[in-house]
């Protein structure tokens, strides 16, 4: 049985990123318009998060994602993590 890691996209990256991750069998979820509360409610099986700056990656968000292995920050800097 193959494992499909769930990747949550909070902000929209270059389309190639999502295409390649899906090509590797990742389960990509696109939450570009979701509120913070809606995002928090969908993180229980999340393996990775792709974010720019719309949502702050703080303790509350990290605790909502117990399976989280990585946060990919689009752009430059880490002021939102």
C-alpha atoms as a PDB file:
ATOM      1  CA  UNK A   1       0.000   0.000   0.000  1.00  0.00           C
ATOM      2  CA  UNK A   2       1.494   3.349  -1.015  1.00  0.00           C
ATOM      3  CA  UNK A   3       1.441   6.368   1.268  1.00  0.00           C
ATOM      4  CA  UNK A   4       0.201   9.608  -0.240  1.00  0.00           C
ATOM      5  CA  UNK A   5       1.522  12.523   1.757  1.00  0.00           C
ATOM      6  CA  UNK A   6      -0.870  15.442   1.982  1.00  0.00           C
ATOM      7  CA  UNK A   7       0.578  18.831   1.041  1.00  0.00           C
ATOM      8  CA  UNK A   8      -1.515  21.915   1.849  1.00  0.00           C
ATOM      9  CA  UNK A   9      -1.036  24.957  -0.360  1.00  0.00           C
ATOM     10  CA  UNK A  10      -2.113  28.095   1.495  1.00  0.00           C
ATOM     11  CA  UNK A  11      -0.716  30.483  -1.129  1.00  0.00           C
ATOM     12  CA  UNK A  12      -0.389  29.872  -4.852  1.00  0.00           C
ATOM     13  CA  UNK A  13       3.100  28.889  -6.051  1.00  0.00           C
ATOM     14  CA  UNK A  14       4.415  28.542  -9.572  1.00  0.00           C
ATOM     15  CA  UNK A  15       2.265  25.767 -11.142  1.00  0.00           C
ATOM     16  CA  UNK A  16       5.298  23.518 -11.699  1.00  0.00           C
ATOM     17  CA  UNK A  17       5.657  22.896  -7.939  1.00  0.00           C
ATOM     18  CA  UNK A  18       2.173  21.403  -7.549  1.00  0.00           C
ATOM     19  CA  UNK A  19       2.464  19.506 -10.844  1.00  0.00           C
ATOM     20  CA  UNK A  20       5.709  17.845  -9.794  1.00  0.00           C
ATOM     21  CA  UNK A  21       4.499  17.001  -6.308  1.00  0.00           C
ATOM     22  CA  UNK A  22       1.336  15.418  -7.733  1.00  0.00           C
ATOM     23  CA  UNK A  23       3.528  13.555 -10.217  1.00  0.00           C
ATOM     24  CA  UNK A  24       5.345  12.074  -7.219  1.00  0.00           C
ATOM     25  CA  UNK A  25       2.029  10.880  -5.798  1.00  0.00           C
ATOM     26  CA  UNK A  26       1.483  13.663  -3.277  1.00  0.00           C
ATOM     27  CA  UNK A  27      -2.094  14.565  -2.315  1.00  0.00           C
ATOM     28  CA  UNK A  28      -2.109  18.336  -2.920  1.00  0.00           C
ATOM     29  CA  UNK A  29      -4.840  20.417  -1.270  1.00  0.00           C
ATOM     30  CA  UNK A  30      -5.323  23.986  -2.464  1.00  0.00           C
ATOM     31  CA  UNK A  31      -6.694  26.282   0.239  1.00  0.00           C
ATOM     32  CA  UNK A  32      -6.008  29.629  -1.430  1.00  0.00           C
ATOM     33  CA  UNK A  33      -9.334  31.169  -0.367  1.00  0.00           C
ATOM     34  CA  UNK A  34      -9.793  29.342   2.953  1.00  0.00           C
ATOM     35  CA  UNK A  35      -9.936  31.245   6.215  1.00  0.00           C
ATOM     36  CA  UNK A  36      -7.387  30.538   8.934  1.00  0.00           C
ATOM     37  CA  UNK A  37      -9.984  28.499  10.867  1.00  0.00           C
ATOM     38  CA  UNK A  38     -10.822  26.450   7.757  1.00  0.00           C
ATOM     39  CA  UNK A  39      -7.107  25.794   7.219  1.00  0.00           C
ATOM     40  CA  UNK A  40      -6.571  24.739  10.839  1.00  0.00           C
ATOM     41  CA  UNK A  41      -9.458  22.286  10.545  1.00  0.00           C
ATOM     42  CA  UNK A  42      -7.782  20.508   7.589  1.00  0.00           C
ATOM     43  CA  UNK A  43      -4.263  20.032   8.935  1.00  0.00           C
ATOM     44  CA  UNK A  44      -4.624  16.836  10.965  1.00  0.00           C
ATOM     45  CA  UNK A  45      -3.026  14.637   8.243  1.00  0.00           C
ATOM     46  CA  UNK A  46      -0.915  17.334   6.615  1.00  0.00           C
ATOM     47  CA  UNK A  47       2.681  16.326   5.808  1.00  0.00           C
ATOM     48  CA  UNK A  48       3.723  19.670   4.314  1.00  0.00           C
ATOM     49  CA  UNK A  49       2.552  23.273   4.036  1.00  0.00           C
ATOM     50  CA  UNK A  50       3.347  25.698   1.216  1.00  0.00           C
ATOM     51  CA  UNK A  51       2.843  29.315   2.283  1.00  0.00           C
ATOM     52  CA  UNK A  52       3.877  32.835   1.299  1.00  0.00           C
ATOM     53  CA  UNK A  53       2.530  35.268   3.881  1.00  0.00           C
ATOM     54  CA  UNK A  54      -1.274  35.095   4.019  1.00  0.00           C
ATOM     55  CA  UNK A  55      -1.342  32.927   7.149  1.00  0.00           C
ATOM     56  CA  UNK A  56       1.153  33.110   9.987  1.00  0.00           C
ATOM     57  CA  UNK A  57       2.810  29.804  10.870  1.00  0.00           C
ATOM     58  CA  UNK A  58       2.598  29.975  14.654  1.00  0.00           C
ATOM     59  CA  UNK A  59       2.258  27.577  17.588  1.00  0.00           C
ATOM     60  CA  UNK A  60      -1.510  27.165  17.062  1.00  0.00           C
ATOM     61  CA  UNK A  61      -1.055  26.139  13.435  1.00  0.00           C
ATOM     62  CA  UNK A  62       1.849  23.803  14.185  1.00  0.00           C
ATOM     63  CA  UNK A  63      -0.112  22.092  16.953  1.00  0.00           C
ATOM     64  CA  UNK A  64      -3.026  21.577  14.532  1.00  0.00           C
ATOM     65  CA  UNK A  65      -0.698  19.627  12.214  1.00  0.00           C
ATOM     66  CA  UNK A  66       0.771  16.709  14.229  1.00  0.00           C
ATOM     67  CA  UNK A  67       2.040  14.906  11.106  1.00  0.00           C
ATOM     68  CA  UNK A  68       3.757  18.011   9.688  1.00  0.00           C
ATOM     69  CA  UNK A  69       7.259  17.352   8.349  1.00  0.00           C
ATOM     70  CA  UNK A  70       7.989  20.626   6.513  1.00  0.00           C
ATOM     71  CA  UNK A  71       6.917  24.189   5.805  1.00  0.00           C
ATOM     72  CA  UNK A  72       7.892  25.532   2.373  1.00  0.00           C
ATOM     73  CA  UNK A  73       8.046  29.328   2.399  1.00  0.00           C
ATOM     74  CA  UNK A  74       7.470  30.949  -1.003  1.00  0.00           C
ATOM     75  CA  UNK A  75       9.634  34.026  -1.400  1.00  0.00           C
ATOM     76  CA  UNK A  76      12.502  35.257   0.707  1.00  0.00           C
ATOM     77  CA  UNK A  77      12.752  35.390   4.494  1.00  0.00           C
ATOM     78  CA  UNK A  78      11.244  33.608   7.447  1.00  0.00           C
ATOM     79  CA  UNK A  79       9.439  36.436   9.228  1.00  0.00           C
ATOM     80  CA  UNK A  80       6.132  34.525   9.071  1.00  0.00           C
ATOM     81  CA  UNK A  81       7.380  31.309  10.655  1.00  0.00           C
END
